[in-house]
Amino acid sequence: AVSQPYNPQPLGRGYAVLVDYFNNPQVAAELQQLLQQQSVGLVSYQQRPYLLAEFTENQNTAKKVLQTLSDRGFWVFMVDAPGVILLRSQVTIP
């Protein structure tokens, strides 16, 4: 298997909904299931790793995801996307 080249990129304009996963890969699996997304990304924000639950230019979309995850007990917050560095577009879930 060819591994992805490591090429960190800042996210573009918009909003990023980040989830603190406390180094627990199971959180990524739960996120994927809940959001019914094909992939959950891994990002760096202020030198810390987070899961990327949503990246959108629409603030209302971001707020909905934020609310949904918050209601489910995830440690989640929303930030301006340009300050977020995308490390991997898809987290490998064991």
PDB file of N, CA and C in Angstrom:
ATOM      1  N   ALA A   1       0.846  -1.192   0.000  1.00  0.00           N
ATOM      2  CA  ALA A   1       0.000   0.000   0.000  1.00  0.00           C
ATOM      3  C   ALA A   1       0.878   1.238   0.000  1.00  0.00           C
ATOM      4  N   VAL A   2       0.480   2.197  -0.795  1.00  0.00           N
ATOM      5  CA  VAL A   2       1.224   3.457  -0.871  1.00  0.00           C
ATOM      6  C   VAL A   2       0.645   4.409   0.168  1.00  0.00           C
ATOM      7  N   SER A   3       1.485   4.945   1.017  1.00  0.00           N
ATOM      8  CA  SER A   3       0.970   5.867   2.020  1.00  0.00           C
ATOM      9  C   SER A   3       0.880   7.263   1.416  1.00  0.00           C
ATOM     10  N   GLN A   4      -0.082   8.032   1.924  1.00  0.00           N
ATOM     11  CA  GLN A   4      -0.266   9.395   1.426  1.00  0.00           C
ATOM     12  C   GLN A   4       0.972  10.215   1.744  1.00  0.00           C
ATOM     13  N   PRO A   5       1.395  11.072   0.813  1.00  0.00           N
ATOM     14  CA  PRO A   5       2.492  11.974   1.166  1.00  0.00           C
ATOM     15  C   PRO A   5       2.012  12.951   2.239  1.00  0.00           C
ATOM     16  N   TYR A   6       2.906  13.263   3.153  1.00  0.00           N
ATOM     17  CA  TYR A   6       2.536  14.167   4.234  1.00  0.00           C
ATOM     18  C   TYR A   6       2.644  15.584   3.709  1.00  0.00           C
ATOM     19  N   ASN A   7       1.512  16.258   3.578  1.00  0.00           N
ATOM     20  CA  ASN A   7       1.499  17.579   2.978  1.00  0.00           C
ATOM     21  C   ASN A   7       0.470  18.459   3.679  1.00  0.00           C
ATOM     22  N   PRO A   8       0.804  18.967   4.874  1.00  0.00           N
ATOM     23  CA  PRO A   8      -0.158  19.771   5.633  1.00  0.00           C
ATOM     24  C   PRO A   8      -0.577  21.021   4.858  1.00  0.00           C
ATOM     25  N   GLN A   9      -1.867  21.290   4.843  1.00  0.00           N
ATOM     26  CA  GLN A   9      -2.421  22.438   4.126  1.00  0.00           C
ATOM     27  C   GLN A   9      -3.363  23.217   5.036  1.00  0.00           C
ATOM     28  N   PRO A  10      -3.263  24.562   5.022  1.00  0.00           N
ATOM     29  CA  PRO A  10      -4.282  25.310   5.762  1.00  0.00           C
ATOM     30  C   PRO A  10      -5.634  25.165   5.069  1.00  0.00           C
ATOM     31  N   LEU A  11      -6.702  25.092   5.847  1.00  0.00           N
ATOM     32  CA  LEU A  11      -8.034  25.062   5.254  1.00  0.00           C
ATOM     33  C   LEU A  11      -8.305  26.441   4.652  1.00  0.00           C
ATOM     34  N   GLY A  12      -9.220  26.483   3.706  1.00  0.00           N
ATOM     35  CA  GLY A  12      -9.561  27.757   3.076  1.00  0.00           C
ATOM     36  C   GLY A  12     -10.517  28.576   3.926  1.00  0.00           C
ATOM     37  N   ARG A  13     -11.199  29.486   3.262  1.00  0.00           N
ATOM     38  CA  ARG A  13     -12.163  30.343   3.954  1.00  0.00           C
ATOM     39  C   ARG A  13     -13.343  29.534   4.442  1.00  0.00           C
ATOM     40  N   GLY A  14     -13.843  29.904   5.607  1.00  0.00           N
ATOM     41  CA  GLY A  14     -15.026  29.227   6.118  1.00  0.00           C
ATOM     42  C   GLY A  14     -14.899  28.905   7.589  1.00  0.00           C
ATOM     43  N   TYR A  15     -15.646  27.896   7.996  1.00  0.00           N
ATOM     44  CA  TYR A  15     -15.724  27.506   9.404  1.00  0.00           C
ATOM     45  C   TYR A  15     -15.361  26.036   9.545  1.00  0.00           C
ATOM     46  N   ALA A  16     -14.610  25.759  10.602  1.00  0.00           N
ATOM     47  CA  ALA A  16     -14.236  24.374  10.882  1.00  0.00           C
ATOM     48  C   ALA A  16     -14.831  23.984  12.232  1.00  0.00           C
ATOM     49  N   VAL A  17     -15.477  22.826  12.258  1.00  0.00           N
ATOM     50  CA  VAL A  17     -16.002  22.285  13.514  1.00  0.00           C
ATOM     51  C   VAL A  17     -15.031  21.195  13.954  1.00  0.00           C
ATOM     52  N   LEU A  18     -14.378  21.434  15.085  1.00  0.00           N
ATOM     53  CA  LEU A  18     -13.322  20.537  15.567  1.00  0.00           C
ATOM     54  C   LEU A  18     -13.776  19.769  16.790  1.00  0.00           C
ATOM     55  N   VAL A  19     -13.299  18.541  16.896  1.00  0.00           N
ATOM     56  CA  VAL A  19     -13.635  17.675  18.023  1.00  0.00           C
ATOM     57  C   VAL A  19     -12.343  17.229  18.700  1.00  0.00           C
ATOM     58  N   ASP A  20     -12.281  17.425  20.006  1.00  0.00           N
ATOM     59  CA  ASP A  20     -11.140  16.912  20.767  1.00  0.00           C
ATOM     60  C   ASP A  20     -11.388  15.434  21.025  1.00  0.00           C
ATOM     61  N   TYR A  21     -10.483  14.599  20.543  1.00  0.00           N
ATOM     62  CA  TYR A  21     -10.700  13.149  20.656  1.00  0.00           C
ATOM     63  C   TYR A  21      -9.831  12.523  21.748  1.00  0.00           C
ATOM     64  N   PHE A  22      -9.061  13.351  22.454  1.00  0.00           N
ATOM     65  CA  PHE A  22      -8.261  12.876  23.587  1.00  0.00           C
ATOM     66  C   PHE A  22      -7.462  11.618  23.245  1.00  0.00           C
ATOM     67  N   ASN A  23      -6.886  11.607  22.044  1.00  0.00           N
ATOM     68  CA  ASN A  23      -6.076  10.486  21.560  1.00  0.00           C
ATOM     69  C   ASN A  23      -6.802   9.146  21.550  1.00  0.00           C
ATOM     70  N   ASN A  24      -8.122   9.187  21.439  1.00  0.00           N
ATOM     71  CA  ASN A  24      -8.909   7.963  21.401  1.00  0.00           C
ATOM     72  C   ASN A  24      -9.485   7.783  19.993  1.00  0.00           C
ATOM     73  N   PRO A  25      -8.936   6.841  19.206  1.00  0.00           N
ATOM     74  CA  PRO A  25      -9.402   6.654  17.829  1.00  0.00           C
ATOM     75  C   PRO A  25     -10.872   6.248  17.740  1.00  0.00           C
ATOM     76  N   GLN A  26     -11.421   5.726  18.822  1.00  0.00           N
ATOM     77  CA  GLN A  26     -12.830   5.317  18.826  1.00  0.00           C
ATOM     78  C   GLN A  26     -13.749   6.519  18.607  1.00  0.00           C
ATOM     79  N   VAL A  27     -13.299   7.699  19.030  1.00  0.00           N
ATOM     80  CA  VAL A  27     -14.094   8.909  18.854  1.00  0.00           C
ATOM     81  C   VAL A  27     -14.314   9.182  17.361  1.00  0.00           C
ATOM     82  N   ALA A  28     -13.294   8.940  16.543  1.00  0.00           N
ATOM     83  CA  ALA A  28     -13.421   9.138  15.095  1.00  0.00           C
ATOM     84  C   ALA A  28     -14.480   8.198  14.520  1.00  0.00           C
ATOM     85  N   ALA A  29     -14.504   6.973  14.980  1.00  0.00           N
ATOM     86  CA  ALA A  29     -15.487   6.001  14.510  1.00  0.00           C
ATOM     87  C   ALA A  29     -16.901   6.445  14.887  1.00  0.00           C
ATOM     88  N   GLU A  30     -17.065   6.927  16.123  1.00  0.00           N
ATOM     89  CA  GLU A  30     -18.370   7.414  16.578  1.00  0.00           C
ATOM     90  C   GLU A  30     -18.816   8.621  15.754  1.00  0.00           C
ATOM     91  N   LEU A  31     -17.878   9.503  15.472  1.00  0.00           N
ATOM     92  CA  LEU A  31     -18.176  10.701  14.671  1.00  0.00           C
ATOM     93  C   LEU A  31     -18.660  10.318  13.282  1.00  0.00           C
ATOM     94  N   GLN A  32     -17.932   9.404  12.651  1.00  0.00           N
ATOM     95  CA  GLN A  32     -18.282   8.971  11.302  1.00  0.00           C
ATOM     96  C   GLN A  32     -19.687   8.391  11.266  1.00  0.00           C
ATOM     97  N   GLN A  33     -19.992   7.596  12.273  1.00  0.00           N
ATOM     98  CA  GLN A  33     -21.296   6.957  12.354  1.00  0.00           C
ATOM     99  C   GLN A  33     -22.389   8.002  12.543  1.00  0.00           C
ATOM    100  N   LEU A  34     -22.166   8.924  13.446  1.00  0.00           N
ATOM    101  CA  LEU A  34     -23.156   9.941  13.782  1.00  0.00           C
ATOM    102  C   LEU A  34     -23.405  10.891  12.614  1.00  0.00           C
ATOM    103  N   LEU A  35     -22.333  11.328  11.969  1.00  0.00           N
ATOM    104  CA  LEU A  35     -22.461  12.310  10.886  1.00  0.00           C
ATOM    105  C   LEU A  35     -22.731  11.656   9.544  1.00  0.00           C
ATOM    106  N   GLN A  36     -22.645  10.317   9.502  1.00  0.00           N
ATOM    107  CA  GLN A  36     -22.813   9.554   8.273  1.00  0.00           C
ATOM    108  C   GLN A  36     -21.929  10.125   7.164  1.00  0.00           C
ATOM    109  N   GLN A  37     -20.685  10.390   7.549  1.00  0.00           N
ATOM    110  CA  GLN A  37     -19.717  10.919   6.593  1.00  0.00           C
ATOM    111  C   GLN A  37     -18.808   9.811   6.142  1.00  0.00           C
ATOM    112  N   GLN A  38     -18.322   9.950   4.927  1.00  0.00           N
ATOM    113  CA  GLN A  38     -17.382   8.970   4.420  1.00  0.00           C
ATOM    114  C   GLN A  38     -16.034   9.137   5.098  1.00  0.00           C
ATOM    115  N   SER A  39     -15.707  10.358   5.510  1.00  0.00           N
ATOM    116  CA  SER A  39     -14.407  10.534   6.141  1.00  0.00           C
ATOM    117  C   SER A  39     -14.421  11.633   7.193  1.00  0.00           C
ATOM    118  N   VAL A  40     -13.609  11.427   8.204  1.00  0.00           N
ATOM    119  CA  VAL A  40     -13.377  12.417   9.244  1.00  0.00           C
ATOM    120  C   VAL A  40     -11.908  12.790   9.126  1.00  0.00           C
ATOM    121  N   GLY A  41     -11.627  14.065   9.058  1.00  0.00           N
ATOM    122  CA  GLY A  41     -10.248  14.513   8.862  1.00  0.00           C
ATOM    123  C   GLY A  41      -9.508  14.698  10.171  1.00  0.00           C
ATOM    124  N   LEU A  42      -8.190  14.775  10.053  1.00  0.00           N
ATOM    125  CA  LEU A  42      -7.334  15.076  11.196  1.00  0.00           C
ATOM    126  C   LEU A  42      -6.682  16.421  10.934  1.00  0.00           C
ATOM    127  N   VAL A  43      -6.799  17.325  11.893  1.00  0.00           N
ATOM    128  CA  VAL A  43      -6.258  18.672  11.713  1.00  0.00           C
ATOM    129  C   VAL A  43      -5.413  19.080  12.912  1.00  0.00           C
ATOM    130  N   SER A  44      -4.681  20.156  12.722  1.00  0.00           N
ATOM    131  CA  SER A  44      -3.921  20.751  13.803  1.00  0.00           C
ATOM    132  C   SER A  44      -4.438  22.177  13.994  1.00  0.00           C
ATOM    133  N   TYR A  45      -4.730  22.525  15.234  1.00  0.00           N
ATOM    134  CA  TYR A  45      -5.186  23.874  15.553  1.00  0.00           C
ATOM    135  C   TYR A  45      -4.458  24.310  16.820  1.00  0.00           C
ATOM    136  N   GLN A  46      -3.756  25.413  16.732  1.00  0.00           N
ATOM    137  CA  GLN A  46      -2.940  25.892  17.850  1.00  0.00           C
ATOM    138  C   GLN A  46      -2.052  24.774  18.399  1.00  0.00           C
ATOM    139  N   GLN A  47      -1.384  24.093  17.477  1.00  0.00           N
ATOM    140  CA  GLN A  47      -0.402  23.036  17.764  1.00  0.00           C
ATOM    141  C   GLN A  47      -0.970  21.791  18.439  1.00  0.00           C
ATOM    142  N   ARG A  48      -2.292  21.622  18.395  1.00  0.00           N
ATOM    143  CA  ARG A  48      -2.893  20.417  18.969  1.00  0.00           C
ATOM    144  C   ARG A  48      -3.701  19.688  17.916  1.00  0.00           C
ATOM    145  N   PRO A  49      -3.746  18.355  17.988  1.00  0.00           N
ATOM    146  CA  PRO A  49      -4.519  17.590  17.004  1.00  0.00           C
ATOM    147  C   PRO A  49      -6.004  17.525  17.371  1.00  0.00           C
ATOM    148  N   TYR A  50      -6.837  17.652  16.360  1.00  0.00           N
ATOM    149  CA  TYR A  50      -8.291  17.523  16.530  1.00  0.00           C
ATOM    150  C   TYR A  50      -8.854  16.782  15.331  1.00  0.00           C
ATOM    151  N   LEU A  51     -10.055  16.248  15.508  1.00  0.00           N
ATOM    152  CA  LEU A  51     -10.772  15.670  14.381  1.00  0.00           C
ATOM    153  C   LEU A  51     -11.581  16.778  13.725  1.00  0.00           C
ATOM    154  N   LEU A  52     -11.638  16.758  12.411  1.00  0.00           N
ATOM    155  CA  LEU A  52     -12.418  17.737  11.660  1.00  0.00           C
ATOM    156  C   LEU A  52     -13.782  17.125  11.341  1.00  0.00           C
ATOM    157  N   ALA A  53     -14.809  17.623  12.016  1.00  0.00           N
ATOM    158  CA  ALA A  53     -16.158  17.091  11.811  1.00  0.00           C
ATOM    159  C   ALA A  53     -16.840  17.756  10.624  1.00  0.00           C
ATOM    160  N   GLU A  54     -16.534  19.035  10.406  1.00  0.00           N
ATOM    161  CA  GLU A  54     -17.174  19.775   9.320  1.00  0.00           C
ATOM    162  C   GLU A  54     -16.299  20.938   8.902  1.00  0.00           C
ATOM    163  N   PHE A  55     -16.262  21.176   7.598  1.00  0.00           N
ATOM    164  CA  PHE A  55     -15.586  22.356   7.054  1.00  0.00           C
ATOM    165  C   PHE A  55     -16.515  22.926   6.000  1.00  0.00           C
ATOM    166  N   THR A  56     -16.997  24.139   6.227  1.00  0.00           N
ATOM    167  CA  THR A  56     -17.991  24.720   5.335  1.00  0.00           C
ATOM    168  C   THR A  56     -17.894  26.239   5.342  1.00  0.00           C
ATOM    169  N   GLU A  57     -18.353  26.859   4.270  1.00  0.00           N
ATOM    170  CA  GLU A  57     -18.410  28.320   4.247  1.00  0.00           C
ATOM    171  C   GLU A  57     -19.709  28.808   4.867  1.00  0.00           C
ATOM    172  N   ASN A  58     -20.643  27.890   5.099  1.00  0.00           N
ATOM    173  CA  ASN A  58     -21.946  28.251   5.636  1.00  0.00           C
ATOM    174  C   ASN A  58     -21.942  28.151   7.162  1.00  0.00           C
ATOM    175  N   GLN A  59     -22.062  29.301   7.815  1.00  0.00           N
ATOM    176  CA  GLN A  59     -21.987  29.325   9.275  1.00  0.00           C
ATOM    177  C   GLN A  59     -23.131  28.540   9.912  1.00  0.00           C
ATOM    178  N   ASN A  60     -24.322  28.569   9.295  1.00  0.00           N
ATOM    179  CA  ASN A  60     -25.462  27.840   9.858  1.00  0.00           C
ATOM    180  C   ASN A  60     -25.251  26.333   9.809  1.00  0.00           C
ATOM    181  N   THR A  61     -24.660  25.850   8.718  1.00  0.00           N
ATOM    182  CA  THR A  61     -24.333  24.421   8.606  1.00  0.00           C
ATOM    183  C   THR A  61     -23.368  24.031   9.719  1.00  0.00           C
ATOM    184  N   ALA A  62     -22.336  24.851   9.902  1.00  0.00           N
ATOM    185  CA  ALA A  62     -21.348  24.581  10.948  1.00  0.00           C
ATOM    186  C   ALA A  62     -22.002  24.568  12.325  1.00  0.00           C
ATOM    187  N   LYS A  63     -22.892  25.530  12.570  1.00  0.00           N
ATOM    188  CA  LYS A  63     -23.570  25.614  13.875  1.00  0.00           C
ATOM    189  C   LYS A  63     -24.447  24.399  14.136  1.00  0.00           C
ATOM    190  N   LYS A  64     -25.095  23.889  13.081  1.00  0.00           N
ATOM    191  CA  LYS A  64     -25.942  22.699  13.236  1.00  0.00           C
ATOM    192  C   LYS A  64     -25.112  21.490  13.654  1.00  0.00           C
ATOM    193  N   VAL A  65     -23.975  21.305  12.973  1.00  0.00           N
ATOM    194  CA  VAL A  65     -23.092  20.183  13.306  1.00  0.00           C
ATOM    195  C   VAL A  65     -22.563  20.349  14.727  1.00  0.00           C
ATOM    196  N   LEU A  66     -22.168  21.570  15.055  1.00  0.00           N
ATOM    197  CA  LEU A  66     -21.677  21.884  16.403  1.00  0.00           C
ATOM    198  C   LEU A  66     -22.717  21.494  17.457  1.00  0.00           C
ATOM    199  N   GLN A  67     -23.963  21.897  17.223  1.00  0.00           N
ATOM    200  CA  GLN A  67     -25.052  21.622  18.166  1.00  0.00           C
ATOM    201  C   GLN A  67     -25.316  20.130  18.288  1.00  0.00           C
ATOM    202  N   THR A  68     -25.360  19.453  17.146  1.00  0.00           N
ATOM    203  CA  THR A  68     -25.610  18.003  17.132  1.00  0.00           C
ATOM    204  C   THR A  68     -24.561  17.263  17.959  1.00  0.00           C
ATOM    205  N   LEU A  69     -23.290  17.595  17.707  1.00  0.00           N
ATOM    206  CA  LEU A  69     -22.205  16.897  18.406  1.00  0.00           C
ATOM    207  C   LEU A  69     -22.159  17.264  19.880  1.00  0.00           C
ATOM    208  N   SER A  70     -22.426  18.524  20.159  1.00  0.00           N
ATOM    209  CA  SER A  70     -22.440  18.989  21.540  1.00  0.00           C
ATOM    210  C   SER A  70     -23.535  18.262  22.334  1.00  0.00           C
ATOM    211  N   ASP A  71     -24.705  18.130  21.710  1.00  0.00           N
ATOM    212  CA  ASP A  71     -25.826  17.421  22.350  1.00  0.00           C
ATOM    213  C   ASP A  71     -25.489  15.958  22.627  1.00  0.00           C
ATOM    214  N   ARG A  72     -24.589  15.384  21.804  1.00  0.00           N
ATOM    215  CA  ARG A  72     -24.202  13.980  21.972  1.00  0.00           C
ATOM    216  C   ARG A  72     -23.027  13.820  22.935  1.00  0.00           C
ATOM    217  N   GLY A  73     -22.565  14.922  23.499  1.00  0.00           N
ATOM    218  CA  GLY A  73     -21.512  14.828  24.508  1.00  0.00           C
ATOM    219  C   GLY A  73     -20.091  14.917  23.974  1.00  0.00           C
ATOM    220  N   PHE A  74     -19.932  15.252  22.696  1.00  0.00           N
ATOM    221  CA  PHE A  74     -18.578  15.445  22.169  1.00  0.00           C
ATOM    222  C   PHE A  74     -18.012  16.774  22.664  1.00  0.00           C
ATOM    223  N   TRP A  75     -16.701  16.823  22.827  1.00  0.00           N
ATOM    224  CA  TRP A  75     -16.026  18.067  23.191  1.00  0.00           C
ATOM    225  C   TRP A  75     -15.717  18.765  21.879  1.00  0.00           C
ATOM    226  N   VAL A  76     -16.566  19.734  21.507  1.00  0.00           N
ATOM    227  CA  VAL A  76     -16.551  20.270  20.148  1.00  0.00           C
ATOM    228  C   VAL A  76     -16.572  21.796  20.165  1.00  0.00           C
ATOM    229  N   PHE A  77     -15.933  22.408  19.174  1.00  0.00           N
ATOM    230  CA  PHE A  77     -15.972  23.865  19.049  1.00  0.00           C
ATOM    231  C   PHE A  77     -15.792  24.274  17.592  1.00  0.00           C
ATOM    232  N   MET A  78     -16.145  25.522  17.306  1.00  0.00           N
ATOM    233  CA  MET A  78     -16.087  26.031  15.935  1.00  0.00           C
ATOM    234  C   MET A  78     -15.068  27.157  15.860  1.00  0.00           C
ATOM    235  N   VAL A  79     -14.268  27.150  14.792  1.00  0.00           N
ATOM    236  CA  VAL A  79     -13.237  28.185  14.622  1.00  0.00           C
ATOM    237  C   VAL A  79     -13.223  28.652  13.167  1.00  0.00           C
ATOM    238  N   ASP A  80     -12.564  29.790  12.923  1.00  0.00           N
ATOM    239  CA  ASP A  80     -12.330  30.229  11.551  1.00  0.00           C
ATOM    240  C   ASP A  80     -11.362  29.247  10.904  1.00  0.00           C
ATOM    241  N   ALA A  81     -11.773  28.707   9.764  1.00  0.00           N
ATOM    242  CA  ALA A  81     -11.020  27.635   9.120  1.00  0.00           C
ATOM    243  C   ALA A  81      -9.588  27.985   8.715  1.00  0.00           C
ATOM    244  N   PRO A  82      -9.287  29.230   8.277  1.00  0.00           N
ATOM    245  CA  PRO A  82      -7.912  29.479   7.840  1.00  0.00           C
ATOM    246  C   PRO A  82      -6.845  29.247   8.921  1.00  0.00           C
ATOM    247  N   GLY A  83      -7.234  29.249  10.186  1.00  0.00           N
ATOM    248  CA  GLY A  83      -6.277  28.985  11.260  1.00  0.00           C
ATOM    249  C   GLY A  83      -6.039  27.502  11.507  1.00  0.00           C
ATOM    250  N   VAL A  84      -6.717  26.660  10.727  1.00  0.00           N
ATOM    251  CA  VAL A  84      -6.660  25.207  10.925  1.00  0.00           C
ATOM    252  C   VAL A  84      -5.816  24.573   9.826  1.00  0.00           C
ATOM    253  N   ILE A  85      -4.920  23.683  10.201  1.00  0.00           N
ATOM    254  CA  ILE A  85      -4.064  22.992   9.240  1.00  0.00           C
ATOM    255  C   ILE A  85      -4.575  21.559   9.049  1.00  0.00           C
ATOM    256  N   LEU A  86      -4.888  21.211   7.808  1.00  0.00           N
ATOM    257  CA  LEU A  86      -5.342  19.850   7.507  1.00  0.00           C
ATOM    258  C   LEU A  86      -4.130  18.925   7.422  1.00  0.00           C
ATOM    259  N   LEU A  87      -4.090  17.923   8.287  1.00  0.00           N
ATOM    260  CA  LEU A  87      -3.011  16.950   8.290  1.00  0.00           C
ATOM    261  C   LEU A  87      -3.345  15.747   7.414  1.00  0.00           C
ATOM    262  N   ARG A  88      -4.572  15.242   7.594  1.00  0.00           N
ATOM    263  CA  ARG A  88      -5.056  14.119   6.781  1.00  0.00           C
ATOM    264  C   ARG A  88      -6.540  14.339   6.498  1.00  0.00           C
ATOM    265  N   SER A  89      -6.926  14.121   5.263  1.00  0.00           N
ATOM    266  CA  SER A  89      -8.343  14.318   4.920  1.00  0.00           C
ATOM    267  C   SER A  89      -9.192  13.154   5.428  1.00  0.00           C
ATOM    268  N   GLN A  90      -8.529  12.038   5.728  1.00  0.00           N
ATOM    269  CA  GLN A  90      -9.262  10.876   6.232  1.00  0.00           C
ATOM    270  C   GLN A  90      -8.458  10.176   7.319  1.00  0.00           C
ATOM    271  N   VAL A  91      -9.099  10.008   8.455  1.00  0.00           N
ATOM    272  CA  VAL A  91      -8.465   9.298   9.561  1.00  0.00           C
ATOM    273  C   VAL A  91      -8.663   7.812   9.329  1.00  0.00           C
ATOM    274  N   THR A  92      -7.630   7.034   9.558  1.00  0.00           N
ATOM    275  CA  THR A  92      -7.763   5.580   9.451  1.00  0.00           C
ATOM    276  C   THR A  92      -8.325   5.063  10.766  1.00  0.00           C
ATOM    277  N   ILE A  93      -9.482   4.438  10.674  1.00  0.00           N
ATOM    278  CA  ILE A  93     -10.130   3.925  11.877  1.00  0.00           C
ATOM    279  C   ILE A  93      -9.897   2.427  11.971  1.00  0.00           C
ATOM    280  N   PRO A  94      -9.295   2.005  13.088  1.00  0.00           N
ATOM    281  CA  PRO A  94      -8.969   0.583  13.233  1.00  0.00           C
ATOM    282  C   PRO A  94     -10.234  -0.298  13.266  1.00  0.00           C
TER     283      PRO A  94
END
